[in-house]
Amino acid sequence: MRYSFVSKSPEDTLEFGIRLGKNLGPGDVVCLEGELGAGKTVLTIGIAEGLGIKTGVTSPTFTIINEYPGEIPLYHIDLYRLEDGDEFYYMGGEDLMYGQGVSVIEWASRAEGILPEDCLWISIKRLDESEDFRLIELQVTEKHRDLLERVSKSENTGY
């Protein structure tokens, strides 16, 4: 199943992340794709807020993994600096993805071979030369069909 909408501002992207985060649970893996500056971290900040995490979320580009405690922990993972999924696997990435938290993985396609089959894939693309407009596309498996329906029904952004 696919779902897409246009985010007209970073605030739209953040709000979408909040709605998404409110509907995620332990063991969910969100795979993010998009060029540098597309809004992956802004979306992740929203997911954290939706999960009730108050700690300031920052990009883990240099640390690779940031963990944020909460009722449901958030593992924010950035694979930009890794060559492939094997590096992530040997760092214990598989333990995170099958743990009790929500894993959000930026540049997830670099680890595609070790990711669970039921990941929620999100692509973020700039729509034009505007700094703000983004096309956000979700691809979900049957596991997340209900989540997709809940998030899309609460849609108040895009056109």
Protein backbone atom coordinates (compact mmCIF):
# COMPACT_ATOMS: atom_id res chain seq x y z
CA MET A 1 0.00 0.00 0.00
CA ARG A 2 1.13 3.50 -0.75
CA TYR A 3 0.20 6.87 0.64
CA SER A 4 1.59 10.26 -0.27
CA PHE A 5 1.05 13.90 0.53
CA VAL A 6 2.70 17.25 0.05
CA SER A 7 4.31 18.91 3.04
CA LYS A 8 4.33 22.66 2.53
CA SER A 9 6.68 23.46 5.41
CA PRO A 10 8.95 21.92 8.03
CA GLU A 11 6.01 22.36 10.43
CA ASP A 12 3.86 20.13 8.18
CA THR A 13 6.60 17.49 8.16
CA LEU A 14 6.95 17.73 11.94
CA GLU A 15 3.16 17.42 12.42
CA PHE A 16 3.06 14.37 10.17
CA GLY A 17 5.87 12.82 12.23
CA ILE A 18 3.91 13.45 15.44
CA ARG A 19 0.82 11.72 14.02
CA LEU A 20 2.95 8.84 12.83
CA GLY A 21 4.77 8.51 16.15
CA LYS A 22 1.48 8.31 18.04
CA ASN A 23 0.64 5.22 15.98
CA LEU A 24 3.96 3.35 16.20
CA GLY A 25 4.76 0.61 18.67
CA PRO A 26 7.61 -1.55 19.93
CA GLY A 27 9.45 -3.33 17.15
CA ASP A 28 8.33 -0.95 14.39
CA VAL A 29 11.06 0.00 11.93
CA VAL A 30 10.72 3.19 9.90
CA CYS A 31 13.09 3.42 6.93
CA LEU A 32 13.76 6.92 5.63
CA GLU A 33 15.14 7.86 2.24
CA GLY A 34 15.82 11.31 0.85
CA GLU A 35 18.68 13.54 -0.13
CA LEU A 36 20.64 15.59 2.38
CA GLY A 37 18.40 18.28 3.82
CA ALA A 38 15.17 16.64 2.68
CA GLY A 39 13.63 16.58 6.16
CA LYS A 40 14.42 13.11 7.52
CA THR A 41 15.55 14.44 10.88
CA VAL A 42 12.59 16.84 11.12
CA LEU A 43 10.27 13.88 10.56
CA THR A 44 12.14 11.90 13.23
CA ILE A 45 11.80 14.77 15.71
CA GLY A 46 8.04 14.58 15.13
CA ILE A 47 8.02 10.81 15.60
CA ALA A 48 9.85 11.24 18.91
CA GLU A 49 7.32 13.83 20.04
CA GLY A 50 4.47 11.52 19.03
CA LEU A 51 6.06 8.80 21.15
CA GLY A 52 6.11 11.20 24.11
CA ILE A 53 9.89 11.66 24.06
CA LYS A 54 10.83 15.11 25.31
CA THR A 55 14.62 14.89 24.87
CA GLY A 56 15.94 16.98 21.99
CA VAL A 57 16.44 14.76 18.95
CA THR A 58 19.48 15.49 16.81
CA SER A 59 20.91 13.87 13.70
CA PRO A 60 23.15 10.90 14.53
CA THR A 61 25.29 11.38 11.42
CA PHE A 62 28.57 11.17 13.34
CA THR A 63 27.45 8.86 16.17
CA ILE A 64 25.40 6.60 13.87
CA ILE A 65 22.90 5.68 16.62
CA ASN A 66 21.16 7.95 19.13
CA GLU A 67 18.92 6.30 21.71
CA TYR A 68 16.12 8.26 23.36
CA PRO A 69 14.46 6.72 26.42
CA GLY A 70 10.72 6.76 26.80
CA GLU A 71 7.77 4.49 27.46
CA ILE A 72 8.68 3.19 24.02
CA PRO A 73 12.36 3.98 23.34
CA LEU A 74 13.41 5.54 20.05
CA TYR A 75 16.52 4.40 18.21
CA HIS A 76 17.47 7.05 15.66
CA ILE A 77 19.97 5.55 13.25
CA ASP A 78 21.84 7.27 10.41
CA LEU A 79 23.61 4.96 7.96
CA TYR A 80 24.99 7.74 5.75
CA ARG A 81 28.60 7.06 6.79
CA LEU A 82 28.37 3.27 6.50
CA GLU A 83 29.33 1.32 3.41
CA ASP A 84 26.66 -1.37 3.75
CA GLY A 85 24.34 -3.28 6.06
CA ASP A 86 27.08 -5.57 7.32
CA GLU A 87 28.65 -2.69 9.26
CA PHE A 88 25.29 -1.91 10.84
CA TYR A 89 24.73 -5.58 11.66
CA TYR A 90 28.11 -5.91 13.40
CA MET A 91 27.37 -2.78 15.43
CA GLY A 92 24.33 -4.54 16.90
CA GLY A 93 21.78 -2.94 14.60
CA GLU A 94 19.73 -6.10 14.33
CA ASP A 95 19.28 -6.13 18.13
CA LEU A 96 17.79 -2.64 17.97
CA MET A 97 15.41 -3.43 15.13
CA TYR A 98 14.01 -6.45 16.94
CA GLY A 99 13.98 -4.80 20.36
CA GLN A 100 11.35 -3.05 22.43
CA GLY A 101 11.66 0.34 20.79
CA VAL A 102 10.89 2.08 17.53
CA SER A 103 13.82 2.24 15.09
CA VAL A 104 14.00 5.13 12.63
CA ILE A 105 16.73 4.54 10.07
CA GLU A 106 17.97 7.31 7.79
CA TRP A 107 19.59 6.13 4.53
CA ALA A 108 18.01 2.73 5.23
CA SER A 109 18.60 1.32 1.75
CA ARG A 110 22.26 0.86 2.74
CA ALA A 111 21.13 -1.95 5.06
CA GLU A 112 18.29 -3.30 2.96
CA GLY A 113 19.57 -6.88 3.16
CA ILE A 114 19.21 -7.07 6.94
CA LEU A 115 16.03 -5.05 7.44
CA PRO A 116 12.79 -6.73 8.52
CA GLU A 117 10.33 -7.41 5.70
CA ASP A 118 7.57 -5.37 7.35
CA CYS A 119 9.36 -2.03 7.54
CA LEU A 120 7.51 1.20 6.95
CA TRP A 121 9.36 2.94 4.07
CA ILE A 122 9.16 6.72 3.75
CA SER A 123 10.66 8.71 0.91
CA ILE A 124 11.01 12.49 1.16
CA LYS A 125 11.67 14.50 -2.01
CA ARG A 126 11.88 18.21 -2.73
CA LEU A 127 9.08 19.15 -5.11
CA ASP A 128 10.52 22.24 -6.64
CA GLU A 129 13.21 24.79 -6.04
CA SER A 130 11.33 25.90 -2.94
CA GLU A 131 13.08 25.06 0.27
CA ASP A 132 9.81 24.02 1.90
CA PHE A 133 7.65 21.82 -0.35
CA ARG A 134 8.24 18.08 -0.01
CA LEU A 135 6.56 15.01 -1.40
CA ILE A 136 6.34 12.45 1.39
CA GLU A 137 5.54 8.93 0.20
CA LEU A 138 4.91 5.94 2.44
CA GLN A 139 5.01 2.33 1.43
CA VAL A 140 3.64 -0.13 3.96
CA THR A 141 3.13 -3.85 4.30
CA GLU A 142 -0.04 -5.48 5.57
CA LYS A 143 1.27 -5.12 9.14
CA HIS A 144 0.99 -1.33 8.92
CA ARG A 145 -2.25 -1.08 6.95
CA ASP A 146 -4.22 0.09 10.01
CA LEU A 147 -1.48 2.55 10.93
CA LEU A 148 -1.63 4.04 7.45
CA GLU A 149 -5.40 4.42 7.68
CA ARG A 150 -5.17 6.13 11.09
CA VAL A 151 -2.45 8.52 9.96
CA SER A 152 -4.13 9.41 6.66
CA LYS A 153 -7.52 9.98 8.30
CA SER A 154 -5.98 12.57 10.60
CA GLU A 155 -4.37 14.31 7.62
CA ASN A 156 -4.48 18.07 7.78
CA THR A 157 -1.53 18.96 5.57
CA GLY A 158 -0.85 18.84 1.89
CA TYR A 159 -3.39 19.25 -0.87
